[in-house]
C-alpha atoms as a PDB file:
ATOM      1  CA  MET A   1     -12.608 -93.358  33.691  1.00  0.00           C
ATOM      2  CA  ASP A   2      -9.189 -91.863  33.139  1.00  0.00           C
ATOM      3  CA  ILE A   3      -6.917 -91.344  36.155  1.00  0.00           C
ATOM      4  CA  ARG A   4      -5.409 -88.341  34.412  1.00  0.00           C
ATOM      5  CA  LEU A   5      -8.596 -86.404  35.101  1.00  0.00           C
ATOM      6  CA  PRO A   6      -9.190 -86.824  38.860  1.00  0.00           C
ATOM      7  CA  PHE A   7      -5.527 -87.126  39.788  1.00  0.00           C
ATOM      8  CA  ARG A   8      -3.988 -84.715  37.288  1.00  0.00           C
ATOM      9  CA  ARG A   9      -3.732 -81.804  39.700  1.00  0.00           C
ATOM     10  CA  LEU A  10      -2.691 -83.977  42.650  1.00  0.00           C
ATOM     11  CA  LEU A  11       0.119 -85.512  40.612  1.00  0.00           C
ATOM     12  CA  ALA A  12       1.149 -82.052  39.392  1.00  0.00           C
ATOM     13  CA  HIS A  13       1.167 -80.827  42.988  1.00  0.00           C
ATOM     14  CA  ASP A  14       3.231 -83.807  44.090  1.00  0.00           C
ATOM     15  CA  ARG A  15       5.826 -83.123  41.396  1.00  0.00           C
ATOM     16  CA  TRP A  16       5.968 -79.406  42.247  1.00  0.00           C
ATOM     17  CA  ALA A  17       6.133 -80.056  46.011  1.00  0.00           C
ATOM     18  CA  ASN A  18       8.923 -82.602  45.640  1.00  0.00           C
ATOM     19  CA  GLY A  19      10.871 -80.046  43.602  1.00  0.00           C
ATOM     20  CA  GLN A  20      10.336 -77.425  46.315  1.00  0.00           C
ATOM     21  CA  ALA A  21      11.469 -79.810  49.054  1.00  0.00           C
ATOM     22  CA  LEU A  22      14.576 -80.678  47.030  1.00  0.00           C
ATOM     23  CA  ALA A  23      15.321 -76.968  46.590  1.00  0.00           C
ATOM     24  CA  SER A  24      15.209 -76.491  50.372  1.00  0.00           C
ATOM     25  CA  LEU A  25      17.835 -79.210  50.735  1.00  0.00           C
ATOM     26  CA  GLU A  26      19.969 -77.825  47.914  1.00  0.00           C
ATOM     27  CA  ALA A  27      19.975 -74.388  49.567  1.00  0.00           C
ATOM     28  CA  MET A  28      21.783 -75.776  52.600  1.00  0.00           C
ATOM     29  CA  PRO A  29      25.591 -76.035  52.673  1.00  0.00           C
ATOM     30  CA  GLU A  30      25.241 -79.483  54.230  1.00  0.00           C
ATOM     31  CA  PRO A  31      21.706 -80.874  54.113  1.00  0.00           C
ATOM     32  CA  PRO A  32      20.856 -83.167  57.026  1.00  0.00           C
ATOM     33  CA  ARG A  33      21.384 -86.829  56.155  1.00  0.00           C
ATOM     34  CA  LYS A  34      17.991 -87.638  57.711  1.00  0.00           C
ATOM     35  CA  ALA A  35      16.214 -85.211  55.361  1.00  0.00           C
ATOM     36  CA  LEU A  36      18.056 -86.554  52.309  1.00  0.00           C
ATOM     37  CA  GLY A  37      17.144 -90.100  53.325  1.00  0.00           C
ATOM     38  CA  LEU A  38      13.482 -89.166  53.721  1.00  0.00           C
ATOM     39  CA  MET A  39      13.442 -87.391  50.366  1.00  0.00           C
ATOM     40  CA  GLY A  40      15.053 -90.416  48.748  1.00  0.00           C
ATOM     41  CA  HIS A  41      12.543 -92.663  50.487  1.00  0.00           C
ATOM     42  CA  LEU A  42       9.509 -90.819  49.151  1.00  0.00           C
ATOM     43  CA  MET A  43      10.959 -90.553  45.642  1.00  0.00           C
ATOM     44  CA  GLY A  44      11.981 -94.208  45.699  1.00  0.00           C
ATOM     45  CA  ALA A  45       8.444 -95.117  46.751  1.00  0.00           C
ATOM     46  CA  GLU A  46       7.115 -93.356  43.661  1.00  0.00           C
ATOM     47  CA  ALA A  47       9.561 -95.237  41.435  1.00  0.00           C
ATOM     48  CA  THR A  48       8.632 -98.496  43.162  1.00  0.00           C
ATOM     49  CA  TRP A  49       4.888 -98.012  42.812  1.00  0.00           C
ATOM     50  CA  LEU A  50       5.281 -97.038  39.154  1.00  0.00           C
ATOM     51  CA  GLU A  51       7.217-100.288  38.631  1.00  0.00           C
ATOM     52  CA  ARG A  52       4.537-102.225  40.481  1.00  0.00           C
ATOM     53  CA  MET A  53       1.740-100.631  38.442  1.00  0.00           C
ATOM     54  CA  THR A  54       3.481-101.314  35.129  1.00  0.00           C
ATOM     55  CA  ALA A  55       5.536-104.486  35.628  1.00  0.00           C
ATOM     56  CA  GLY A  56       4.011-106.037  38.769  1.00  0.00           C
ATOM     57  CA  ARG A  57       7.263-106.223  40.660  1.00  0.00           C
ATOM     58  CA  ASP A  58       9.187-104.407  43.345  1.00  0.00           C
ATOM     59  CA  PRO A  59      12.483-103.161  41.898  1.00  0.00           C
ATOM     60  CA  GLY A  60      14.272-103.599  45.229  1.00  0.00           C
ATOM     61  CA  ASP A  61      16.526-100.554  44.862  1.00  0.00           C
ATOM     62  CA  TRP A  62      15.539 -98.743  48.071  1.00  0.00           C
ATOM     63  CA  GLU A  63      19.113 -98.277  49.254  1.00  0.00           C
ATOM     64  CA  VAL A  64      20.048 -96.404  46.078  1.00  0.00           C
ATOM     65  CA  TRP A  65      17.288 -93.869  46.723  1.00  0.00           C
ATOM     66  CA  GLU A  66      17.655 -93.575  50.481  1.00  0.00           C
ATOM     67  CA  ASN A  67      21.447 -93.100  50.377  1.00  0.00           C
ATOM     68  CA  ALA A  68      21.512 -90.582  47.533  1.00  0.00           C
ATOM     69  CA  ASP A  69      22.796 -87.038  47.760  1.00  0.00           C
ATOM     70  CA  ALA A  70      20.790 -83.962  46.752  1.00  0.00           C
ATOM     71  CA  ALA A  71      22.329 -83.775  43.265  1.00  0.00           C
ATOM     72  CA  TRP A  72      21.415 -87.398  42.480  1.00  0.00           C
ATOM     73  CA  LEU A  73      17.881 -86.869  43.766  1.00  0.00           C
ATOM     74  CA  ARG A  74      17.467 -83.701  41.667  1.00  0.00           C
ATOM     75  CA  THR A  75      18.603 -85.546  38.539  1.00  0.00           C
ATOM     76  CA  ALA A  76      16.231 -88.427  39.292  1.00  0.00           C
ATOM     77  CA  TRP A  77      13.394 -85.951  39.898  1.00  0.00           C
ATOM     78  CA  ARG A  78      14.103 -84.081  36.665  1.00  0.00           C
ATOM     79  CA  GLU A  79      15.012 -86.923  34.303  1.00  0.00           C
ATOM     80  CA  ASP A  80      13.654 -90.191  35.683  1.00  0.00           C
ATOM     81  CA  LEU A  81      10.473 -89.803  37.721  1.00  0.00           C
ATOM     82  CA  GLY A  82       8.897 -87.226  35.441  1.00  0.00           C
ATOM     83  CA  ALA A  83       9.434 -89.473  32.411  1.00  0.00           C
ATOM     84  CA  ARG A  84       8.068 -92.524  34.244  1.00  0.00           C
ATOM     85  CA  TRP A  85       4.908 -90.670  35.277  1.00  0.00           C
ATOM     86  CA  ALA A  86       4.455 -89.268  31.757  1.00  0.00           C
ATOM     87  CA  ALA A  87       4.745 -92.740  30.197  1.00  0.00           C
ATOM     88  CA  PHE A  88       2.351 -94.206  32.755  1.00  0.00           C
ATOM     89  CA  LEU A  89      -0.224 -91.458  32.239  1.00  0.00           C
ATOM     90  CA  ALA A  90       0.083 -91.671  28.450  1.00  0.00           C
ATOM     91  CA  ASN A  91      -1.224 -95.229  28.520  1.00  0.00           C
ATOM     92  CA  PRO A  92      -4.979 -95.173  29.217  1.00  0.00           C
ATOM     93  CA  ASP A  93      -5.051 -98.888  29.985  1.00  0.00           C
ATOM     94  CA  LEU A  94      -2.272 -98.687  32.573  1.00  0.00           C
ATOM     95  CA  CYS A  95      -3.563 -95.565  34.307  1.00  0.00           C
ATOM     96  CA  ASN A  96      -7.194 -96.672  34.485  1.00  0.00           C
ATOM     97  CA  PRO A  97      -8.016 -96.017  38.168  1.00  0.00           C
ATOM     98  CA  ALA A  98     -10.261 -99.081  38.387  1.00  0.00           C
ATOM     99  CA  ARG A  99      -7.600-101.423  36.989  1.00  0.00           C
ATOM    100  CA  ALA A 100      -6.452-103.948  39.543  1.00  0.00           C
ATOM    101  CA  PHE A 101      -2.884-105.165  39.391  1.00  0.00           C
ATOM    102  CA  THR A 102      -0.903-107.732  41.305  1.00  0.00           C
ATOM    103  CA  TYR A 103       2.621-107.183  42.548  1.00  0.00           C
ATOM    104  CA  VAL A 104       5.172-108.884  44.746  1.00  0.00           C
ATOM    105  CA  ASN A 105       6.638-106.608  47.415  1.00  0.00           C
ATOM    106  CA  TYR A 106      10.158-106.576  48.834  1.00  0.00           C
ATOM    107  CA  LEU A 107       9.125-109.157  51.453  1.00  0.00           C
ATOM    108  CA  GLY A 108       8.034-111.581  48.734  1.00  0.00           C
ATOM    109  CA  GLU A 109       4.342-111.069  49.524  1.00  0.00           C
ATOM    110  CA  THR A 110       1.836-110.925  46.690  1.00  0.00           C
ATOM    111  CA  HIS A 111      -0.847-108.230  46.807  1.00  0.00           C
ATOM    112  CA  LYS A 112      -3.623-107.039  44.544  1.00  0.00           C
ATOM    113  CA  VAL A 113      -4.595-103.350  44.492  1.00  0.00           C
ATOM    114  CA  ARG A 114      -6.333-100.829  42.248  1.00  0.00           C
ATOM    115  CA  VAL A 115      -4.393 -98.081  40.496  1.00  0.00           C
ATOM    116  CA  GLU A 116      -6.561 -95.454  42.203  1.00  0.00           C
ATOM    117  CA  ASP A 117      -5.593 -96.784  45.632  1.00  0.00           C
ATOM    118  CA  ALA A 118      -1.896 -96.989  44.773  1.00  0.00           C
ATOM    119  CA  VAL A 119      -1.845 -93.376  43.536  1.00  0.00           C
ATOM    120  CA  THR A 120      -3.770 -92.194  46.607  1.00  0.00           C
ATOM    121  CA  GLN A 121      -1.267 -94.036  48.824  1.00  0.00           C
ATOM    122  CA  LEU A 122       1.603 -92.309  47.025  1.00  0.00           C
ATOM    123  CA  MET A 123       0.153 -88.820  47.353  1.00  0.00           C
ATOM    124  CA  LEU A 124      -0.479 -89.229  51.089  1.00  0.00           C
ATOM    125  CA  HIS A 125       2.867 -90.970  51.676  1.00  0.00           C
ATOM    126  CA  SER A 126       4.755 -88.192  49.889  1.00  0.00           C
ATOM    127  CA  ALA A 127       2.979 -85.410  51.794  1.00  0.00           C
ATOM    128  CA  TYR A 128       3.738 -87.115  55.110  1.00  0.00           C
ATOM    129  CA  HIS A 129       7.438 -87.474  54.358  1.00  0.00           C
ATOM    130  CA  ARG A 130       7.765 -83.960  52.909  1.00  0.00           C
ATOM    131  CA  GLY A 131       6.593 -82.740  56.324  1.00  0.00           C
ATOM    132  CA  GLN A 132       9.358 -84.762  57.941  1.00  0.00           C
ATOM    133  CA  VAL A 133      11.884 -83.312  55.485  1.00  0.00           C
ATOM    134  CA  ALA A 134      10.702 -79.797  56.381  1.00  0.00           C
ATOM    135  CA  SER A 135      11.085 -80.528  60.106  1.00  0.00           C
ATOM    136  CA  ALA A 136      14.615 -81.861  59.612  1.00  0.00           C
ATOM    137  CA  VAL A 137      15.574 -78.848  57.480  1.00  0.00           C
ATOM    138  CA  ARG A 138      14.273 -76.430  60.130  1.00  0.00           C
ATOM    139  CA  ALA A 139      16.009 -78.345  62.938  1.00  0.00           C
ATOM    140  CA  ALA A 140      19.307 -78.052  61.021  1.00  0.00           C
ATOM    141  CA  GLY A 141      18.886 -74.269  60.659  1.00  0.00           C
ATOM    142  CA  GLY A 142      17.603 -74.264  57.092  1.00  0.00           C
ATOM    143  CA  THR A 143      14.438 -72.826  55.601  1.00  0.00           C
ATOM    144  CA  PRO A 144      11.871 -75.529  54.910  1.00  0.00           C
ATOM    145  CA  ALA A 145       9.911 -75.475  51.686  1.00  0.00           C
ATOM    146  CA  VAL A 146       6.248 -74.514  51.733  1.00  0.00           C
ATOM    147  CA  THR A 147       4.635 -77.364  49.825  1.00  0.00           C
ATOM    148  CA  ASP A 148       0.928 -76.922  50.569  1.00  0.00           C
ATOM    149  CA  PHE A 149      -1.480 -77.605  47.727  1.00  0.00           C
ATOM    150  CA  MET A 150      -2.981 -74.118  48.023  1.00  0.00           C
ATOM    151  CA  GLN A 151       0.493 -72.584  47.841  1.00  0.00           C
ATOM    152  CA  ALA A 152       0.942 -74.316  44.491  1.00  0.00           C
ATOM    153  CA  VAL A 153      -2.460 -73.083  43.315  1.00  0.00           C
ATOM    154  CA  ARG A 154      -1.880 -69.486  44.431  1.00  0.00           C
ATOM    155  CA  GLY A 155       1.642 -69.494  43.001  1.00  0.00           C
ATOM    156  CA  GLY A 156       0.431 -70.637  39.594  1.00  0.00           C
ATOM    157  CA  ALA A 157       2.237 -73.992  39.734  1.00  0.00           C
ATOM    158  CA  LEU A 158      -1.012 -75.805  38.860  1.00  0.00           C
ATOM    159  CA  ASP A 159      -3.241 -74.993  35.937  1.00  0.00           C
ATOM    160  CA  GLY A 160      -6.920 -74.267  36.399  1.00  0.00           C
END
């Protein structure tokens, strides 16, 4: 089985939704630090899990992500995360949903997990934190992004 098939649209939605959430932050004269930190957290989690799924280690760079400004996050979204996902998905052995991999987390604990479970964790984790970003944007007087899956479908952001 190829993870690109069952998760293709979910990963495309995640990428689109993260871009929308970033745009809501960029539209504000001074985005709330809390919202930037949450956005960095969810994007850093994606980078971390990609590192775990490919190299079996935790990169340990959470502070870089969580303390970034909107411009840095946009560049990482555009140039770094997209390329990492593309490389991961281009390798059928790496992205096999049934493949189990072992990694060491930031606490030094060793865990074994399947790719399918790691990707599911990421999609749910990102959706949860995008909701928190939207709440922080609204509380600061901004307009939160609409990042629902069906919004992406209706808007033509996802194929099929």
